[in-house]
Amino acid sequence: MSSTPTRNIALTPVLEDYIRAQVASGHYSNASEVVRAGLRLLMERDQAMPRPKLVERDRPAR
């Protein structure tokens, strides 16, 4: 049994089609690999260009 946590996510039809196409092309073995690759790219992007910190005026009112 895998110790990897699982998540249920809702995808738009466009994203679902893209994932299916990636798996069908042979680039990835399954949908989880496609999602993990996308998340790794987001992590790399965020590390390369940190987001600016919110200043008080940018914070939503409570």
PDB file of N, CA and C in Angstrom:
ATOM      1  N   MET A   1       0.839  -1.187   0.000  1.00  0.00           N
ATOM      2  CA  MET A   1       0.000   0.000   0.000  1.00  0.00           C
ATOM      3  C   MET A   1       0.881   1.246   0.000  1.00  0.00           C
ATOM      4  N   SER A   2       0.515   2.224  -0.812  1.00  0.00           N
ATOM      5  CA  SER A   2       1.301   3.444  -0.960  1.00  0.00           C
ATOM      6  C   SER A   2       1.086   4.385   0.217  1.00  0.00           C
ATOM      7  N   SER A   3       2.160   5.056   0.618  1.00  0.00           N
ATOM      8  CA  SER A   3       2.044   6.049   1.686  1.00  0.00           C
ATOM      9  C   SER A   3       1.865   7.450   1.111  1.00  0.00           C
ATOM     10  N   THR A   4       1.734   7.561  -0.199  1.00  0.00           N
ATOM     11  CA  THR A   4       1.540   8.852  -0.847  1.00  0.00           C
ATOM     12  C   THR A   4       0.123   9.352  -0.598  1.00  0.00           C
ATOM     13  N   PRO A   5      -0.017  10.593  -0.083  1.00  0.00           N
ATOM     14  CA  PRO A   5      -1.358  11.128   0.139  1.00  0.00           C
ATOM     15  C   PRO A   5      -2.101  11.299  -1.188  1.00  0.00           C
ATOM     16  N   THR A   6      -3.392  11.170  -1.143  1.00  0.00           N
ATOM     17  CA  THR A   6      -4.215  11.371  -2.341  1.00  0.00           C
ATOM     18  C   THR A   6      -5.123  12.572  -2.138  1.00  0.00           C
ATOM     19  N   ARG A   7      -5.551  13.163  -3.237  1.00  0.00           N
ATOM     20  CA  ARG A   7      -6.464  14.301  -3.217  1.00  0.00           C
ATOM     21  C   ARG A   7      -7.505  14.094  -4.296  1.00  0.00           C
ATOM     22  N   ASN A   8      -8.692  14.560  -4.056  1.00  0.00           N
ATOM     23  CA  ASN A   8      -9.733  14.606  -5.079  1.00  0.00           C
ATOM     24  C   ASN A   8      -9.820  16.045  -5.553  1.00  0.00           C
ATOM     25  N   ILE A   9      -9.751  16.241  -6.855  1.00  0.00           N
ATOM     26  CA  ILE A   9      -9.810  17.591  -7.405  1.00  0.00           C
ATOM     27  C   ILE A   9     -10.845  17.644  -8.518  1.00  0.00           C
ATOM     28  N   ALA A  10     -11.412  18.812  -8.720  1.00  0.00           N
ATOM     29  CA  ALA A  10     -12.366  19.016  -9.811  1.00  0.00           C
ATOM     30  C   ALA A  10     -11.627  19.697 -10.954  1.00  0.00           C
ATOM     31  N   LEU A  11     -11.785  19.172 -12.164  1.00  0.00           N
ATOM     32  CA  LEU A  11     -11.131  19.724 -13.342  1.00  0.00           C
ATOM     33  C   LEU A  11     -12.165  20.182 -14.355  1.00  0.00           C
ATOM     34  N   THR A  12     -11.819  21.219 -15.087  1.00  0.00           N
ATOM     35  CA  THR A  12     -12.678  21.636 -16.188  1.00  0.00           C
ATOM     36  C   THR A  12     -12.558  20.592 -17.300  1.00  0.00           C
ATOM     37  N   PRO A  13     -13.534  20.536 -18.189  1.00  0.00           N
ATOM     38  CA  PRO A  13     -13.426  19.589 -19.307  1.00  0.00           C
ATOM     39  C   PRO A  13     -12.155  19.799 -20.141  1.00  0.00           C
ATOM     40  N   VAL A  14     -11.731  21.040 -20.295  1.00  0.00           N
ATOM     41  CA  VAL A  14     -10.521  21.326 -21.066  1.00  0.00           C
ATOM     42  C   VAL A  14      -9.295  20.707 -20.397  1.00  0.00           C
ATOM     43  N   LEU A  15      -9.182  20.867 -19.080  1.00  0.00           N
ATOM     44  CA  LEU A  15      -8.045  20.288 -18.368  1.00  0.00           C
ATOM     45  C   LEU A  15      -8.092  18.763 -18.391  1.00  0.00           C
ATOM     46  N   GLU A  16      -9.266  18.199 -18.231  1.00  0.00           N
ATOM     47  CA  GLU A  16      -9.416  16.745 -18.288  1.00  0.00           C
ATOM     48  C   GLU A  16      -9.004  16.214 -19.661  1.00  0.00           C
ATOM     49  N   ASP A  17      -9.415  16.891 -20.715  1.00  0.00           N
ATOM     50  CA  ASP A  17      -9.028  16.487 -22.074  1.00  0.00           C
ATOM     51  C   ASP A  17      -7.517  16.570 -22.252  1.00  0.00           C
ATOM     52  N   TYR A  18      -6.912  17.615 -21.721  1.00  0.00           N
ATOM     53  CA  TYR A  18      -5.465  17.779 -21.839  1.00  0.00           C
ATOM     54  C   TYR A  18      -4.738  16.632 -21.131  1.00  0.00           C
ATOM     55  N   ILE A  19      -5.176  16.310 -19.933  1.00  0.00           N
ATOM     56  CA  ILE A  19      -4.547  15.216 -19.184  1.00  0.00           C
ATOM     57  C   ILE A  19      -4.692  13.908 -19.950  1.00  0.00           C
ATOM     58  N   ARG A  20      -5.872  13.640 -20.444  1.00  0.00           N
ATOM     59  CA  ARG A  20      -6.083  12.403 -21.214  1.00  0.00           C
ATOM     60  C   ARG A  20      -5.184  12.356 -22.444  1.00  0.00           C
ATOM     61  N   ALA A  21      -5.040  13.487 -23.122  1.00  0.00           N
ATOM     62  CA  ALA A  21      -4.193  13.540 -24.315  1.00  0.00           C
ATOM     63  C   ALA A  21      -2.724  13.285 -23.964  1.00  0.00           C
ATOM     64  N   GLN A  22      -2.277  13.830 -22.840  1.00  0.00           N
ATOM     65  CA  GLN A  22      -0.895  13.610 -22.420  1.00  0.00           C
ATOM     66  C   GLN A  22      -0.634  12.142 -22.116  1.00  0.00           C
ATOM     67  N   VAL A  23      -1.567  11.495 -21.455  1.00  0.00           N
ATOM     68  CA  VAL A  23      -1.427  10.071 -21.143  1.00  0.00           C
ATOM     69  C   VAL A  23      -1.486   9.261 -22.439  1.00  0.00           C
ATOM     70  N   ALA A  24      -2.437   9.585 -23.316  1.00  0.00           N
ATOM     71  CA  ALA A  24      -2.579   8.852 -24.580  1.00  0.00           C
ATOM     72  C   ALA A  24      -1.343   8.993 -25.458  1.00  0.00           C
ATOM     73  N   SER A  25      -0.656  10.132 -25.370  1.00  0.00           N
ATOM     74  CA  SER A  25       0.530  10.364 -26.197  1.00  0.00           C
ATOM     75  C   SER A  25       1.721   9.530 -25.734  1.00  0.00           C
ATOM     76  N   GLY A  26       1.632   9.015 -24.519  1.00  0.00           N
ATOM     77  CA  GLY A  26       2.738   8.240 -23.973  1.00  0.00           C
ATOM     78  C   GLY A  26       3.741   9.069 -23.195  1.00  0.00           C
ATOM     79  N   HIS A  27       3.527  10.384 -23.130  1.00  0.00           N
ATOM     80  CA  HIS A  27       4.440  11.235 -22.354  1.00  0.00           C
ATOM     81  C   HIS A  27       4.361  10.923 -20.858  1.00  0.00           C
ATOM     82  N   TYR A  28       3.199  10.497 -20.403  1.00  0.00           N
ATOM     83  CA  TYR A  28       2.975  10.183 -18.990  1.00  0.00           C
ATOM     84  C   TYR A  28       2.217   8.875 -18.897  1.00  0.00           C
ATOM     85  N   SER A  29       2.410   8.170 -17.800  1.00  0.00           N
ATOM     86  CA  SER A  29       1.738   6.879 -17.617  1.00  0.00           C
ATOM     87  C   SER A  29       0.316   7.018 -17.101  1.00  0.00           C
ATOM     88  N   ASN A  30       0.051   8.098 -16.354  1.00  0.00           N
ATOM     89  CA  ASN A  30      -1.274   8.273 -15.772  1.00  0.00           C
ATOM     90  C   ASN A  30      -1.508   9.749 -15.444  1.00  0.00           C
ATOM     91  N   ALA A  31      -2.732  10.054 -15.045  1.00  0.00           N
ATOM     92  CA  ALA A  31      -3.121  11.437 -14.756  1.00  0.00           C
ATOM     93  C   ALA A  31      -2.315  12.022 -13.597  1.00  0.00           C
ATOM     94  N   SER A  32      -1.994  11.215 -12.613  1.00  0.00           N
ATOM     95  CA  SER A  32      -1.226  11.717 -11.469  1.00  0.00           C
ATOM     96  C   SER A  32       0.133  12.243 -11.902  1.00  0.00           C
ATOM     97  N   GLU A  33       0.774  11.561 -12.841  1.00  0.00           N
ATOM     98  CA  GLU A  33       2.070  12.035 -13.326  1.00  0.00           C
ATOM     99  C   GLU A  33       1.945  13.387 -14.016  1.00  0.00           C
ATOM    100  N   VAL A  34       0.878  13.587 -14.768  1.00  0.00           N
ATOM    101  CA  VAL A  34       0.659  14.865 -15.454  1.00  0.00           C
ATOM    102  C   VAL A  34       0.486  15.974 -14.419  1.00  0.00           C
ATOM    103  N   VAL A  35      -0.340  15.741 -13.416  1.00  0.00           N
ATOM    104  CA  VAL A  35      -0.594  16.752 -12.386  1.00  0.00           C
ATOM    105  C   VAL A  35       0.679  17.047 -11.598  1.00  0.00           C
ATOM    106  N   ARG A  36       1.433  16.017 -11.232  1.00  0.00           N
ATOM    107  CA  ARG A  36       2.683  16.240 -10.493  1.00  0.00           C
ATOM    108  C   ARG A  36       3.672  17.054 -11.319  1.00  0.00           C
ATOM    109  N   ALA A  37       3.765  16.784 -12.624  1.00  0.00           N
ATOM    110  CA  ALA A  37       4.666  17.548 -13.487  1.00  0.00           C
ATOM    111  C   ALA A  37       4.255  19.019 -13.514  1.00  0.00           C
ATOM    112  N   GLY A  38       2.961  19.277 -13.601  1.00  0.00           N
ATOM    113  CA  GLY A  38       2.474  20.650 -13.590  1.00  0.00           C
ATOM    114  C   GLY A  38       2.784  21.355 -12.285  1.00  0.00           C
ATOM    115  N   LEU A  39       2.601  20.661 -11.185  1.00  0.00           N
ATOM    116  CA  LEU A  39       2.899  21.256  -9.879  1.00  0.00           C
ATOM    117  C   LEU A  39       4.389  21.529  -9.714  1.00  0.00           C
ATOM    118  N   ARG A  40       5.235  20.623 -10.229  1.00  0.00           N
ATOM    119  CA  ARG A  40       6.682  20.867 -10.164  1.00  0.00           C
ATOM    120  C   ARG A  40       7.050  22.132 -10.939  1.00  0.00           C
ATOM    121  N   LEU A  41       6.428  22.332 -12.103  1.00  0.00           N
ATOM    122  CA  LEU A  41       6.695  23.549 -12.870  1.00  0.00           C
ATOM    123  C   LEU A  41       6.273  24.805 -12.110  1.00  0.00           C
ATOM    124  N   LEU A  42       5.124  24.752 -11.444  1.00  0.00           N
ATOM    125  CA  LEU A  42       4.685  25.897 -10.634  1.00  0.00           C
ATOM    126  C   LEU A  42       5.669  26.177  -9.503  1.00  0.00           C
ATOM    127  N   MET A  43       6.155  25.127  -8.871  1.00  0.00           N
ATOM    128  CA  MET A  43       7.121  25.296  -7.786  1.00  0.00           C
ATOM    129  C   MET A  43       8.412  25.923  -8.300  1.00  0.00           C
ATOM    130  N   GLU A  44       8.896  25.465  -9.464  1.00  0.00           N
ATOM    131  CA  GLU A  44      10.105  26.037 -10.050  1.00  0.00           C
ATOM    132  C   GLU A  44       9.894  27.514 -10.375  1.00  0.00           C
ATOM    133  N   ARG A  45       8.740  27.836 -10.954  1.00  0.00           N
ATOM    134  CA  ARG A  45       8.447  29.225 -11.301  1.00  0.00           C
ATOM    135  C   ARG A  45       8.400  30.095 -10.053  1.00  0.00           C
ATOM    136  N   ASP A  46       7.736  29.598  -9.013  1.00  0.00           N
ATOM    137  CA  ASP A  46       7.611  30.378  -7.783  1.00  0.00           C
ATOM    138  C   ASP A  46       8.966  30.591  -7.108  1.00  0.00           C
ATOM    139  N   GLN A  47       9.852  29.614  -7.210  1.00  0.00           N
ATOM    140  CA  GLN A  47      11.185  29.766  -6.614  1.00  0.00           C
ATOM    141  C   GLN A  47      12.021  30.759  -7.406  1.00  0.00           C
ATOM    142  N   ALA A  48      11.823  30.793  -8.726  1.00  0.00           N
ATOM    143  CA  ALA A  48      12.596  31.697  -9.575  1.00  0.00           C
ATOM    144  C   ALA A  48      12.131  33.141  -9.435  1.00  0.00           C
ATOM    145  N   MET A  49      10.837  33.348  -9.245  1.00  0.00           N
ATOM    146  CA  MET A  49      10.278  34.697  -9.147  1.00  0.00           C
ATOM    147  C   MET A  49       9.335  34.765  -7.956  1.00  0.00           C
ATOM    148  N   PRO A  50       9.878  35.057  -6.783  1.00  0.00           N
ATOM    149  CA  PRO A  50       9.008  35.136  -5.602  1.00  0.00           C
ATOM    150  C   PRO A  50       7.916  36.184  -5.770  1.00  0.00           C
ATOM    151  N   ARG A  51       6.770  35.875  -5.247  1.00  0.00           N
ATOM    152  CA  ARG A  51       5.651  36.808  -5.315  1.00  0.00           C
ATOM    153  C   ARG A  51       5.867  37.948  -4.342  1.00  0.00           C
ATOM    154  N   PRO A  52       5.462  39.157  -4.731  1.00  0.00           N
ATOM    155  CA  PRO A  52       5.614  40.282  -3.800  1.00  0.00           C
ATOM    156  C   PRO A  52       4.708  40.090  -2.587  1.00  0.00           C
ATOM    157  N   LYS A  53       5.173  40.572  -1.463  1.00  0.00           N
ATOM    158  CA  LYS A  53       4.371  40.478  -0.250  1.00  0.00           C
ATOM    159  C   LYS A  53       3.235  41.486  -0.312  1.00  0.00           C
ATOM    160  N   LEU A  54       2.107  41.101   0.255  1.00  0.00           N
ATOM    161  CA  LEU A  54       0.962  42.012   0.318  1.00  0.00           C
ATOM    162  C   LEU A  54       1.252  43.122   1.319  1.00  0.00           C
ATOM    163  N   VAL A  55       0.908  44.317   0.941  1.00  0.00           N
ATOM    164  CA  VAL A  55       0.954  45.419   1.896  1.00  0.00           C
ATOM    165  C   VAL A  55      -0.450  45.566   2.483  1.00  0.00           C
ATOM    166  N   GLU A  56      -0.565  46.262   3.553  1.00  0.00           N
ATOM    167  CA  GLU A  56      -1.828  46.356   4.283  1.00  0.00           C
ATOM    168  C   GLU A  56      -2.999  46.757   3.380  1.00  0.00           C
ATOM    169  N   ARG A  57      -2.797  47.677   2.471  1.00  0.00           N
ATOM    170  CA  ARG A  57      -3.909  48.143   1.631  1.00  0.00           C
ATOM    171  C   ARG A  57      -4.376  47.078   0.643  1.00  0.00           C
ATOM    172  N   ASP A  58      -3.532  46.072   0.347  1.00  0.00           N
ATOM    173  CA  ASP A  58      -3.880  45.005  -0.595  1.00  0.00           C
ATOM    174  C   ASP A  58      -4.648  43.861   0.062  1.00  0.00           C
ATOM    175  N   ARG A  59      -4.685  43.858   1.368  1.00  0.00           N
ATOM    176  CA  ARG A  59      -5.361  42.759   2.058  1.00  0.00           C
ATOM    177  C   ARG A  59      -6.863  42.944   2.052  1.00  0.00           C
ATOM    178  N   PRO A  60      -7.607  41.858   1.864  1.00  0.00           N
ATOM    179  CA  PRO A  60      -9.057  41.970   1.867  1.00  0.00           C
ATOM    180  C   PRO A  60      -9.580  42.369   3.246  1.00  0.00           C
ATOM    181  N   ALA A  61     -10.661  43.137   3.261  1.00  0.00           N
ATOM    182  CA  ALA A  61     -11.291  43.534   4.531  1.00  0.00           C
ATOM    183  C   ALA A  61     -11.906  42.300   5.187  1.00  0.00           C
ATOM    184  N   ARG A  62     -11.900  42.300   6.499  1.00  0.00           N
ATOM    185  CA  ARG A  62     -12.472  41.159   7.231  1.00  0.00           C
ATOM    186  C   ARG A  62     -13.857  41.467   7.680  1.00  0.00           C
TER     187      ARG A  62
END
